Protein backbone atom coordinates (compact mmCIF):
# COMPACT_ATOMS: atom_id res chain seq x y z
CA MET A 1 -37.38 15.75 18.69
CA ALA A 2 -37.10 15.14 22.38
CA LYS A 3 -35.54 11.81 21.76
CA LEU A 4 -32.99 13.26 19.58
CA ASN A 5 -32.05 15.82 22.17
CA SER A 6 -31.82 13.15 24.92
CA PHE A 7 -29.66 11.02 22.71
CA SER A 8 -27.44 13.98 21.90
CA VAL A 9 -26.98 14.69 25.56
CA VAL A 10 -26.06 11.14 26.32
CA VAL A 11 -23.61 11.08 23.45
CA VAL A 12 -22.00 14.30 24.58
CA ALA A 13 -21.84 13.10 28.20
CA ALA A 14 -20.27 9.89 27.09
CA MET A 15 -17.62 11.75 25.02
CA LEU A 16 -16.84 14.03 27.98
CA LEU A 17 -16.50 11.14 30.34
CA ALA A 18 -14.15 9.33 27.83
CA PHE A 19 -12.10 12.56 27.49
CA VAL A 20 -11.87 13.00 31.30
CA VAL A 21 -10.79 9.35 31.71
CA ALA A 22 -8.25 9.59 28.92
CA ALA A 23 -6.93 12.87 30.35
CA GLU A 24 -6.61 11.28 33.80
CA GLN A 25 -4.80 8.26 32.30
CA ASP A 26 -2.48 10.57 30.37
CA PHE A 27 -1.79 12.55 33.58
CA ASN A 28 -1.13 9.35 35.50
CA SER A 29 1.28 8.12 32.84
CA LEU A 30 3.18 11.50 32.90
CA MET A 31 3.44 11.21 36.68
CA LEU A 32 4.76 7.73 36.40
CA CYS A 33 7.36 8.89 33.88
CA SER A 34 8.39 11.92 35.88
CA ILE A 35 8.91 10.15 39.14
CA LYS A 36 11.43 7.78 37.49
CA LEU A 37 13.86 10.76 37.19
CA SER A 38 15.54 12.41 40.15
CA PRO A 39 14.97 16.20 40.34
CA ASP A 40 18.68 16.85 39.51
CA CYS A 41 18.56 14.72 36.36
CA GLY A 42 15.22 16.17 35.38
CA GLN A 43 16.78 19.67 35.63
CA GLU A 44 19.85 18.57 33.62
CA ILE A 45 17.76 17.15 30.81
CA PHE A 46 15.33 20.11 30.78
CA SER A 47 18.24 22.64 30.81
CA ASP A 48 19.97 20.91 27.98
CA ILE A 49 16.81 20.84 25.82
CA PHE A 50 15.16 24.15 26.60
CA TRP A 51 18.11 26.52 27.73
CA GLN A 52 20.88 27.62 25.55
CA ASN A 53 24.45 27.38 26.75
CA SER A 54 23.64 24.83 29.42
CA LYS A 55 25.97 21.97 30.28
CA PRO A 56 25.37 18.62 28.64
CA VAL A 57 23.49 15.85 30.36
CA SER A 58 25.82 13.75 32.59
CA ASP A 59 26.36 10.06 31.96
CA HIS A 60 24.58 9.31 35.27
CA CYS A 61 21.46 11.17 34.06
CA CYS A 62 21.75 9.63 30.59
CA HIS A 63 21.45 6.28 32.21
CA SER A 64 18.39 7.41 34.12
CA LEU A 65 16.86 8.84 30.93
CA ALA A 66 17.51 5.53 29.10
CA ARG A 67 15.75 3.61 31.91
CA LEU A 68 12.88 6.09 31.56
CA GLY A 69 12.52 5.14 27.89
CA LEU A 70 11.95 7.05 24.72
CA SER A 71 8.18 6.93 25.01
CA CYS A 72 8.23 8.67 28.45
CA HIS A 73 10.90 11.12 27.27
CA ASN A 74 8.74 12.06 24.29
CA ARG A 75 5.58 12.39 26.34
CA LEU A 76 7.21 14.58 28.92
CA PHE A 77 8.66 16.81 26.19
CA ASP A 78 5.33 17.06 24.44
CA ASN A 79 3.53 17.95 27.75
CA ILE A 80 6.02 20.79 28.42
CA VAL A 81 5.73 22.13 24.89
CA ASN A 82 1.96 21.91 24.72
CA THR A 83 1.08 23.09 28.27
CA GLN A 84 3.73 25.58 29.35
CA HIS A 85 3.33 29.16 28.04
CA GLY A 86 6.11 30.22 25.70
CA TYR A 87 7.61 26.79 24.85
CA LYS A 88 5.45 26.02 21.83
CA SER A 89 6.93 28.89 19.81
CA ASN A 90 10.45 27.38 20.19
CA GLU A 91 9.49 23.84 19.38
CA THR A 92 11.36 23.89 15.99
CA ILE A 93 14.57 24.46 18.01
CA THR A 94 13.81 22.41 21.16
CA ARG A 95 12.42 19.27 19.47
CA PRO A 96 15.69 18.49 17.58
CA ARG A 97 17.50 19.17 20.92
CA SER A 98 15.28 16.69 22.61
CA VAL A 99 16.13 14.08 19.92
CA GLN A 100 19.84 14.89 20.25
CA VAL A 101 19.71 14.48 24.08
CA TRP A 102 17.87 11.11 23.70
CA ASN A 103 20.29 9.94 21.02
CA LYS A 104 23.33 10.86 23.10
CA CYS A 105 21.91 9.21 26.16
CA ALA A 106 20.84 6.11 24.28
CA LEU A 107 24.46 5.81 23.04
CA VAL A 108 25.93 6.38 26.49
CA ALA A 109 23.57 3.84 28.05
CA GLY A 110 23.84 1.35 25.25
CA VAL A 111 20.16 1.54 24.13
CA ILE A 112 19.82 0.09 20.70
CA ALA A 113 17.06 2.20 19.08
CA PRO A 114 17.82 5.95 18.66
CA ALA A 115 15.03 8.45 18.05
CA ALA A 116 14.40 9.35 14.51
């Protein structure tokens, strides 16, 4: 029985270590994504997605978003929705807006693949 308990502790410790490493890698990838946008463009994109009656994303910021890439855009959106209090409840409204912002910016910047 002691061997089973020791084995269980080792498995749980390995799983926790893997989770911490994955979380750190995810955090690092989010940081790499976020530093590719200027604060002004980040605010424009955020406002267009999460605030009603905001001005549309400028062409300049659309080009920045396109350089960021769809994967980074989606990870940043998911991070906001899943970690910031109050944003999850509006996801049915904000996720389509996020797709619309990406598709508009992809068109402006000449990116071939729109988000589905």
